Structures are given as C-alpha cells and as structure tokens.
Amino acid sequence: MAAPGVQRPRVAGADEYTVGTVHHRALDDGRIECTVCPRACRLRDGQRGLCFVRARHGDQIVLTSYGRSSGFCIDPIEKKPLNHFLPGTPVLSFGTAGCNLACRFCQNWDISKSREIDTLTSSASPETLAETAKRLGCESIAFTYNDPTIFLEYAADCADAAREAGLRAVAVSAGYINPGARGELYSHMDAANIDLKAFTEQFYKKIAFASLRTVLDTLEYLVHETEAWTEITTLLIPGHNDSDSEITAECEWIADRLGPDVPLHFTAFHPDFKMRDVPPTPPATLRRAREIAVRTGLRYVYTGNVHDPANQTTYCPSCGEALVVRDWYRIDRYDLSDSGQCSFCGTGIPGIYEGPAGDWGPRRQPIRLAAPSHK
C-alpha cells in the first residue's frame, strides 16, 4: 500500500489508472483473477470485472476510477448512519461508480450500477480531498454512495491523507470482501457502517447476488480484530427480510457474536431500481424490529428513513435517561460528557467521542473540488 502523499504505481499510457499491486493472481489459462472480493472475476486483457471499475490492463488489474468521483457532499455523520461516532459533526462524503453486488433494490443505483465512466465528473487527489475537508470544517471523510471495496486503493490513500490532516476515515460498505483486501482496507479506517442486507443466504443469493457468510465474517473481523468503530444497518424490505423469525435470528447473532453494544439501524425501504413493485416499509415494521432487538439484549437500536425521534434517540442502558435526542439528523439534546459518559449516572456509552456534540444538523452541502476531468 502506498504511504501518505505517495502516488501508487501507474500503468504506462494510462495515467488515470492505479495498479492493484496485490489483489490479483495469474491463472494457467492466461487470464488474471481479481481477488478483492468473492466474485473472483477472471479477466482477459481489456476486460472489466462485474464492479466495472477494476479492469485488466496488460498483466495487471488496475483501478480505472482512481482520483475520480461521482460527486462530493458534506453530510451529517448520522446520515451514514453512525450515531456513536463524533455525533453532530460534518463528514465529507463521496463515491465513485460501479459496485461488486447486484442488489435488485439498490437505492443508489444511478451511481453503483453505472457502466459509464462519464459518471465520474469530479476529480481530486487524496491530498486535495483531505485539505478541502479540513478547510470546510469536516471531522472525517466517508467513502459511501457506492462500495469502497471496489476502489480500495483510492479509499486507502484518501484515508491516509485524512489522518495526516487530523481527520478520521469512514467506510460505508456491504462487507462483501475477501480477507486479504479486507485487512488492507480496514487498516486505514476509523469507523465503518456495514450493510447487513438480510439474514438468509437465500436473500443474498437471489436478491443481492452475494453471500451472507462473507458479510458476517467481515463484521466479526471488524469488531474483534480492528479498532474501527462499527455500526450495522439493515434495510427492511416488506415480504423479503422483515419476518419476526429472521429479525430475531439476526439480533441473536449480533448479541452472541459481536456483543450487545454494537449499534444496529433498521431503515425503511422505498421502491426503487428493480423492486418498484414492493411497497415502502411501514413505520410499524421498524418499531417492531427495534422491539425485537431490544428484547434480544441489544442496547443501541435505531430506526431510520422515517420520522421517529423516540426510536432514533440514544438511551442510557443503566439509568434509562434519553442522552442523545435526535430528530432526523438534528441533535436536539445531548447529555454525554466529552468522552461519552452518561451525564446522569456516569455509565460509559460505547463509541468515539471528542468533546461536545457538533452542530452541523441536517444540512447537505454539495461541493465541487475540481473541474471535470476530460481525458
């Protein structure tokens, strides 16, 4: 991996590419296998993987989207969603194009399912990105909108530049990644939100075209083998992953394998992409799921994509007081010490806290870092 401020190796005659120096292997039939994720795309010269942004160029797998983005925006950190990581602070968010999953319900399909490199209309070096985030008052940088797994070299370099600038790095991911690439990506991250899309292999196979086991392995790795603060999101889709039995199984697994302090977000689905015939998630479904999770023993469970302040609030597990009262992405009350203790009983609330909560609120601020790249 490249050190902060050092460009990765480039392919001659293709300056927009960075070489994936580790995560591929040559096969006996002349193809090269990408080993970033379980897709294991086997490519001949000029071919692209399913993710579209990792391609074979000569005897290398290259990242074609290095240094380019589908856009940059300052968001509240709670939108990632992360409720226990630098609450109330702004985060500079961006993604690229493509994805290594093929979810029929994708809510960012115009970016993640893009097969047009013209989607990448903004450009920025890792150093420029970090400097801009710092200048605009952000506390962190988030790799989101599509999955940083597929642009891990760019994400890792941006994370290193962010840390050099005194900022944190956040990955928002589906967790569908092989162990070697997983170790590289998350060694650069300070926090992650993993999208646990369902709790059956059937759902992952037929609707996400992926594997549940891989995602569970990623979650266990993050919680037990890294220092990255980790939260989980499950988008509840009516009739597909919202049964009491499946929600119970998911919550029991989290409590048993990850522990009761890992925050869990149940969020509402809206019809999109190839699942426009499925109705939106009723708010009652989210509340039911939260009740199941709390009964299972999980201590920090939230609802999302609906107006539900009571179930988006952080409560002290010891004295029951409302400590962080949220209305969508706005914090209306904050009763934690600078290091995250309950102001009423002193119980520590797990997470990453540095001083009082920020006051960014629900604002969303698109920004332009550089003129479009015309290559």
Protein backbone atom coordinates (compact mmCIF):
# COMPACT_ATOMS: atom_id res chain seq x y z
CA MET A 1 0.00 0.00 0.00
CA ALA A 2 1.15 3.50 -0.72
CA ALA A 3 2.40 5.75 2.03
CA PRO A 4 0.63 9.08 2.64
CA GLY A 5 1.43 11.58 -0.07
CA VAL A 6 2.97 8.96 -2.39
CA GLN A 7 1.21 8.08 -5.63
CA ARG A 8 0.59 4.43 -6.38
CA PRO A 9 2.25 2.80 -9.39
CA ARG A 10 0.75 3.83 -12.72
CA VAL A 11 0.24 1.92 -15.95
CA ALA A 12 2.24 3.34 -18.87
CA GLY A 13 -0.02 5.21 -21.27
CA ALA A 14 -2.98 5.15 -18.89
CA ASP A 15 -2.33 7.86 -16.33
CA GLU A 16 -5.83 7.67 -14.91
CA TYR A 17 -5.21 4.14 -13.66
CA THR A 18 -3.59 2.95 -10.48
CA VAL A 19 -2.21 -0.56 -10.31
CA GLY A 20 -3.81 -3.08 -7.98
CA THR A 21 -0.42 -4.40 -6.92
CA VAL A 22 -1.57 -7.10 -4.51
CA HIS A 23 -5.10 -8.29 -5.11
CA HIS A 24 -4.89 -10.40 -8.25
CA ARG A 25 -3.23 -13.59 -9.43
CA ALA A 26 -2.31 -15.09 -12.79
CA LEU A 27 -4.15 -18.22 -13.95
CA ASP A 28 -2.81 -21.05 -16.10
CA ASP A 29 -5.19 -20.21 -18.95
CA GLY A 30 -3.77 -16.70 -19.38
CA ARG A 31 -6.48 -14.88 -17.50
CA ILE A 32 -5.88 -12.81 -14.36
CA GLU A 33 -8.18 -13.27 -11.36
CA CYS A 34 -9.13 -10.28 -9.24
CA THR A 35 -9.01 -11.32 -5.57
CA VAL A 36 -10.54 -8.23 -3.95
CA CYS A 37 -13.95 -9.84 -3.43
CA PRO A 38 -15.54 -13.29 -3.71
CA ARG A 39 -16.66 -12.53 -7.27
CA ALA A 40 -13.17 -13.66 -8.37
CA CYS A 41 -13.61 -12.08 -11.81
CA ARG A 42 -11.26 -13.78 -14.29
CA LEU A 43 -10.25 -11.32 -16.94
CA ARG A 44 -8.51 -11.25 -20.28
CA ASP A 45 -6.74 -8.11 -21.45
CA GLY A 46 -9.19 -5.21 -21.78
CA GLN A 47 -11.99 -6.84 -19.81
CA ARG A 48 -13.61 -5.30 -16.72
CA GLY A 49 -14.93 -7.07 -13.65
CA LEU A 50 -18.56 -7.06 -12.56
CA CYS A 51 -17.83 -3.95 -10.49
CA PHE A 52 -16.86 -2.19 -13.77
CA VAL A 53 -14.04 -0.10 -12.25
CA ARG A 54 -11.45 -2.86 -11.82
CA ALA A 55 -10.07 -3.92 -15.18
CA ARG A 56 -7.24 -5.87 -16.74
CA HIS A 57 -4.58 -3.79 -18.47
CA GLY A 58 -1.72 -5.92 -19.76
CA ASP A 59 -0.55 -8.18 -16.96
CA GLN A 60 -2.14 -6.06 -14.19
CA ILE A 61 -5.51 -5.45 -12.62
CA VAL A 62 -5.95 -1.67 -12.48
CA LEU A 63 -8.38 0.65 -10.75
CA THR A 64 -9.80 2.84 -13.52
CA SER A 65 -11.60 5.25 -11.18
CA TYR A 66 -8.62 6.32 -9.07
CA GLY A 67 -8.83 10.02 -8.20
CA ARG A 68 -12.30 10.48 -9.71
CA SER A 69 -15.70 10.65 -8.09
CA SER A 70 -19.39 10.82 -8.93
CA GLY A 71 -19.56 13.87 -6.65
CA PHE A 72 -18.69 15.27 -3.23
CA CYS A 73 -21.05 16.38 -0.49
CA ILE A 74 -20.85 17.40 3.16
CA ASP A 75 -23.36 15.34 5.19
CA PRO A 76 -24.15 14.89 8.87
CA ILE A 77 -22.27 11.86 10.19
CA GLU A 78 -25.62 10.47 11.38
CA LYS A 79 -26.62 10.01 7.74
CA LYS A 80 -24.03 7.26 7.15
CA PRO A 81 -25.60 6.18 9.59
CA LEU A 82 -23.22 6.46 12.54
CA ASN A 83 -24.82 7.53 15.83
CA HIS A 84 -21.89 6.80 18.16
CA PHE A 85 -19.07 8.36 16.14
CA LEU A 86 -18.31 12.08 16.55
CA PRO A 87 -22.01 13.00 16.96
CA GLY A 88 -23.29 16.09 15.22
CA THR A 89 -20.20 16.58 13.05
CA PRO A 90 -19.96 17.12 9.29
CA VAL A 91 -18.38 14.47 7.08
CA LEU A 92 -17.12 14.93 3.53
CA SER A 93 -18.78 12.10 1.59
CA PHE A 94 -18.07 10.75 -1.87
CA GLY A 95 -18.26 7.67 -4.04
CA THR A 96 -17.13 6.56 -7.47
CA ALA A 97 -19.04 4.34 -9.90
CA GLY A 98 -19.91 0.66 -10.00
CA CYS A 99 -20.45 -2.00 -7.33
CA ASN A 100 -19.47 -5.60 -6.67
CA LEU A 101 -23.02 -6.53 -5.68
CA ALA A 102 -26.11 -6.53 -7.88
CA CYS A 103 -28.91 -5.75 -5.42
CA ARG A 104 -32.32 -5.57 -7.07
CA PHE A 105 -33.41 -2.91 -4.56
CA CYS A 106 -30.36 -0.61 -4.78
CA GLN A 107 -31.22 2.88 -3.51
CA ASN A 108 -28.15 4.45 -5.21
CA TRP A 109 -28.46 2.52 -8.48
CA ASP A 110 -27.65 5.52 -10.69
CA ILE A 111 -24.14 5.53 -9.17
CA SER A 112 -23.49 1.94 -8.12
CA LYS A 113 -24.94 0.39 -11.27
CA SER A 114 -23.33 2.90 -13.62
CA ARG A 115 -21.48 1.44 -16.57
CA GLU A 116 -20.45 4.83 -17.89
CA ILE A 117 -17.12 6.24 -16.77
CA ASP A 118 -18.59 9.68 -17.56
CA THR A 119 -20.43 9.35 -14.24
CA LEU A 120 -17.08 10.27 -12.68
CA THR A 121 -17.30 14.01 -13.31
CA SER A 122 -15.25 15.26 -10.34
CA SER A 123 -11.60 14.67 -9.60
CA ALA A 124 -9.35 15.11 -6.60
CA SER A 125 -6.10 13.73 -5.29
CA PRO A 126 -6.17 12.28 -1.78
CA GLU A 127 -4.24 15.31 -0.51
CA THR A 128 -6.67 17.78 -2.12
CA LEU A 129 -9.60 15.89 -0.70
CA ALA A 130 -8.16 15.95 2.82
CA GLU A 131 -7.17 19.61 2.61
CA THR A 132 -10.67 20.55 1.41
CA ALA A 133 -12.39 18.56 4.15
CA LYS A 134 -10.19 20.22 6.76
CA ARG A 135 -10.78 23.71 5.35
CA LEU A 136 -14.56 23.21 5.33
CA GLY A 137 -14.63 22.12 8.98
CA CYS A 138 -15.28 18.41 8.48
CA GLU A 139 -14.16 15.96 11.14
CA SER A 140 -13.98 12.97 8.81
CA ILE A 141 -14.14 11.68 5.25
CA ALA A 142 -16.61 8.96 4.24
CA PHE A 143 -16.37 6.53 1.33
CA THR A 144 -20.02 5.95 0.54
CA TYR A 145 -22.79 6.05 -2.15
CA ASN A 146 -21.12 3.02 -3.70
CA ASP A 147 -18.84 0.50 -2.02
CA PRO A 148 -15.22 1.40 -1.16
CA THR A 149 -14.32 -2.28 -1.53
CA ILE A 150 -14.05 -1.79 -5.27
CA PHE A 151 -11.94 1.38 -5.07
CA LEU A 152 -9.92 0.34 -2.04
CA GLU A 153 -6.59 1.77 -3.29
CA TYR A 154 -8.10 5.23 -3.67
CA ALA A 155 -10.00 4.91 -0.38
CA ALA A 156 -6.87 3.80 1.49
CA ASP A 157 -4.79 6.67 0.12
CA CYS A 158 -7.53 9.19 0.93
CA ALA A 159 -7.82 7.77 4.44
CA ASP A 160 -4.07 8.15 4.96
CA ALA A 161 -4.19 11.74 3.72
CA ALA A 162 -7.14 12.43 6.03
CA ARG A 163 -5.25 11.11 9.03
CA GLU A 164 -2.24 13.26 8.11
CA ALA A 165 -4.62 16.23 8.23
CA GLY A 166 -6.00 15.23 11.64
CA LEU A 167 -9.26 13.81 10.27
CA ARG A 168 -10.92 10.38 10.54
CA ALA A 169 -11.91 7.97 7.76
CA VAL A 170 -15.22 6.15 7.44
CA ALA A 171 -16.19 3.22 5.19
CA VAL A 172 -19.84 2.58 4.33
CA SER A 173 -19.85 -0.89 2.83
CA ALA A 174 -21.78 -4.07 2.19
CA GLY A 175 -18.86 -6.02 3.65
CA TYR A 176 -18.53 -8.32 0.61
CA ILE A 177 -14.75 -8.54 0.51
CA ASN A 178 -12.03 -11.18 0.71
CA PRO A 179 -9.82 -11.43 3.82
CA GLY A 180 -6.65 -10.05 2.22
CA ALA A 181 -8.29 -6.97 0.76
CA ARG A 182 -10.37 -6.60 3.92
CA GLY A 183 -7.26 -6.36 6.04
CA GLU A 184 -5.78 -3.69 3.78
CA LEU A 185 -8.93 -1.56 3.51
CA TYR A 186 -9.92 -1.52 7.16
CA SER A 187 -6.40 -0.95 8.47
CA HIS A 188 -6.92 2.60 7.17
CA MET A 189 -10.41 3.14 8.60
CA ASP A 190 -11.54 4.68 11.89
CA ALA A 191 -15.20 3.69 11.55
CA ALA A 192 -17.45 1.56 9.38
CA ASN A 193 -21.12 1.02 8.80
CA ILE A 194 -21.79 -2.39 7.31
CA ASP A 195 -24.99 -3.02 5.40
CA LEU A 196 -26.29 -6.37 6.64
CA LYS A 197 -28.90 -6.76 3.94
CA ALA A 198 -30.75 -9.75 5.39
CA PHE A 199 -30.10 -12.82 7.48
CA THR A 200 -30.64 -15.65 4.99
CA GLU A 201 -28.37 -16.99 2.30
CA GLN A 202 -31.43 -17.25 0.04
CA PHE A 203 -31.95 -13.47 0.13
CA TYR A 204 -28.28 -12.79 -0.55
CA LYS A 205 -28.20 -15.29 -3.42
CA LYS A 206 -31.42 -14.29 -5.18
CA ILE A 207 -31.74 -10.56 -4.43
CA ALA A 208 -28.23 -9.28 -3.67
CA PHE A 209 -26.29 -11.89 -5.72
CA ALA A 210 -23.76 -12.26 -2.94
CA SER A 211 -23.11 -14.31 0.22
CA LEU A 212 -24.27 -13.73 3.79
CA ARG A 213 -21.36 -15.72 5.26
CA THR A 214 -18.80 -13.33 3.81
CA VAL A 215 -20.56 -10.32 5.34
CA LEU A 216 -20.78 -11.97 8.75
CA ASP A 217 -17.06 -12.75 8.58
CA THR A 218 -16.38 -9.07 7.82
CA LEU A 219 -18.44 -7.97 10.82
CA GLU A 220 -16.65 -10.34 13.18
CA TYR A 221 -13.31 -9.19 11.80
CA LEU A 222 -14.15 -5.50 12.29
CA VAL A 223 -15.48 -5.87 15.82
CA HIS A 224 -12.89 -8.30 17.16
CA GLU A 225 -9.73 -7.65 15.14
CA THR A 226 -9.69 -3.92 14.37
CA GLU A 227 -10.07 -0.66 16.23
CA ALA A 228 -12.57 0.70 13.71
CA TRP A 229 -15.83 1.73 15.38
CA THR A 230 -18.55 -0.40 13.75
CA GLU A 231 -22.30 0.01 13.33
CA ILE A 232 -24.76 -2.09 11.30
CA THR A 233 -27.65 -1.17 9.02
CA THR A 234 -30.43 -3.47 7.83
CA LEU A 235 -32.88 -2.13 5.25
CA LEU A 236 -36.18 -3.89 5.94
CA ILE A 237 -37.99 -4.83 2.72
CA PRO A 238 -41.64 -5.90 3.10
CA GLY A 239 -42.11 -9.59 2.44
CA HIS A 240 -38.41 -10.26 1.87
CA ASN A 241 -36.41 -9.86 5.10
CA ASP A 242 -38.84 -8.44 7.68
CA SER A 243 -40.27 -11.53 9.38
CA ASP A 244 -40.08 -11.80 13.17
CA SER A 245 -38.07 -15.01 12.88
CA GLU A 246 -35.43 -13.53 10.59
CA ILE A 247 -35.10 -10.33 12.61
CA THR A 248 -34.79 -12.38 15.79
CA ALA A 249 -32.10 -14.61 14.27
CA GLU A 250 -30.11 -11.56 13.14
CA CYS A 251 -30.31 -9.87 16.54
CA GLU A 252 -29.38 -13.04 18.40
CA TRP A 253 -26.34 -13.49 16.16
CA ILE A 254 -25.24 -9.89 16.75
CA ALA A 255 -25.66 -10.23 20.52
CA ASP A 256 -23.81 -13.55 20.62
CA ARG A 257 -21.02 -12.98 18.09
CA LEU A 258 -20.46 -9.21 18.22
CA GLY A 259 -21.84 -8.17 21.59
CA PRO A 260 -24.81 -6.09 22.73
CA ASP A 261 -23.06 -2.71 22.35
CA VAL A 262 -22.77 -2.73 18.54
CA PRO A 263 -25.39 -0.21 17.29
CA LEU A 264 -27.99 -1.55 14.87
CA HIS A 265 -30.06 0.61 12.50
CA PHE A 266 -33.29 -0.66 10.95
CA THR A 267 -34.10 1.55 7.98
CA ALA A 268 -37.11 1.92 5.68
CA PHE A 269 -37.12 0.69 2.09
CA HIS A 270 -38.64 2.73 -0.72
CA PRO A 271 -39.44 1.23 -4.15
CA ASP A 272 -36.50 1.64 -6.50
CA PHE A 273 -34.42 0.10 -9.27
CA LYS A 274 -35.77 -3.43 -9.98
CA MET A 275 -38.10 -3.67 -6.96
CA ARG A 276 -40.57 -0.92 -7.72
CA ASP A 277 -43.47 -3.32 -7.18
CA VAL A 278 -42.66 -3.69 -3.46
CA PRO A 279 -44.39 -1.20 -1.13
CA PRO A 280 -42.47 1.11 1.23
CA THR A 281 -41.64 -0.20 4.69
CA PRO A 282 -44.38 0.77 7.19
CA PRO A 283 -43.01 2.64 10.24
CA ALA A 284 -44.67 -0.01 12.41
CA THR A 285 -42.34 -2.63 10.93
CA LEU A 286 -39.29 -0.66 12.02
CA ARG A 287 -40.68 -0.21 15.53
CA ARG A 288 -41.48 -3.94 15.72
CA ALA A 289 -37.95 -4.80 14.63
CA ARG A 290 -36.49 -2.46 17.23
CA GLU A 291 -38.62 -4.04 19.96
CA ILE A 292 -37.35 -7.49 18.96
CA ALA A 293 -33.76 -6.28 19.05
CA VAL A 294 -34.15 -4.71 22.48
CA ARG A 295 -35.77 -7.87 23.85
CA THR A 296 -32.83 -9.83 22.44
CA GLY A 297 -30.49 -7.71 24.55
CA LEU A 298 -29.11 -5.20 22.06
CA ARG A 299 -28.61 -1.85 23.82
CA TYR A 300 -28.43 0.64 20.96
CA VAL A 301 -31.06 0.11 18.28
CA TYR A 302 -32.35 2.81 15.95
CA THR A 303 -34.89 3.34 13.19
CA GLY A 304 -34.07 5.28 10.04
CA ASN A 305 -35.54 6.82 6.88
CA VAL A 306 -38.68 7.74 8.86
CA HIS A 307 -39.59 10.49 11.30
CA ASP A 308 -39.35 8.68 14.64
CA PRO A 309 -37.46 10.74 17.27
CA ALA A 310 -38.23 8.36 20.14
CA ASN A 311 -36.57 5.44 18.34
CA GLN A 312 -33.68 7.49 16.96
CA THR A 313 -32.61 8.57 20.44
CA THR A 314 -29.72 7.07 22.40
CA TYR A 315 -30.76 5.92 25.89
CA CYS A 316 -28.51 5.06 28.81
CA PRO A 317 -28.67 1.27 29.35
CA SER A 318 -28.16 1.77 33.10
CA CYS A 319 -30.49 4.59 34.16
CA GLY A 320 -32.73 4.77 31.09
CA GLU A 321 -32.30 8.51 30.52
CA ALA A 322 -32.51 9.92 26.99
CA LEU A 323 -28.95 11.05 26.31
CA VAL A 324 -28.85 11.98 22.63
CA VAL A 325 -32.27 13.07 21.33
CA ARG A 326 -32.38 13.13 17.52
CA ASP A 327 -34.97 14.44 15.11
CA TRP A 328 -33.88 13.01 11.77
CA TYR A 329 -30.25 14.19 11.63
CA ARG A 330 -30.62 17.06 14.08
CA ILE A 331 -29.48 16.64 17.69
CA ASP A 332 -32.00 18.35 19.99
CA ARG A 333 -30.48 17.25 23.31
CA TYR A 334 -27.05 15.96 24.25
CA ASP A 335 -26.32 14.66 27.73
CA LEU A 336 -22.96 12.92 27.32
CA SER A 337 -19.64 14.05 28.74
CA ASP A 338 -16.83 14.96 26.36
CA SER A 339 -15.58 11.37 26.50
CA GLY A 340 -19.01 9.71 26.23
CA GLN A 341 -20.30 9.13 29.77
CA CYS A 342 -23.96 9.46 30.77
CA SER A 343 -24.42 12.86 32.45
CA PHE A 344 -26.89 11.34 34.93
CA CYS A 345 -25.20 8.15 36.18
CA GLY A 346 -21.74 8.13 34.62
CA THR A 347 -22.18 4.98 32.54
CA GLY A 348 -19.89 4.92 29.52
CA ILE A 349 -21.67 4.83 26.17
CA PRO A 350 -19.55 2.93 23.61
CA GLY A 351 -18.38 4.93 20.63
CA ILE A 352 -15.89 7.59 19.54
CA TYR A 353 -16.43 10.95 21.23
CA GLU A 354 -14.23 14.04 21.24
CA GLY A 355 -15.66 16.93 23.22
CA PRO A 356 -19.24 18.19 22.91
CA ALA A 357 -21.52 17.25 20.01
CA GLY A 358 -21.18 19.19 16.79
CA ASP A 359 -23.91 21.46 15.48
CA TRP A 360 -23.89 20.58 11.77
CA GLY A 361 -27.51 19.39 11.93
CA PRO A 362 -29.37 18.01 8.89
CA ARG A 363 -27.65 20.14 6.25
CA ARG A 364 -26.50 18.58 2.98
CA GLN A 365 -23.95 20.69 1.11
CA PRO A 366 -22.75 19.57 -2.35
CA ILE A 367 -19.29 20.86 -3.21
CA ARG A 368 -17.04 20.95 -6.26
CA LEU A 369 -13.38 20.17 -5.64
CA ALA A 370 -12.02 20.47 -9.14
CA ALA A 371 -13.06 20.98 -12.73
CA PRO A 372 -14.31 17.85 -14.50
CA SER A 373 -11.61 15.57 -15.82
CA HIS A 374 -11.53 15.31 -19.64
CA LYS A 375 -9.21 12.54 -20.67
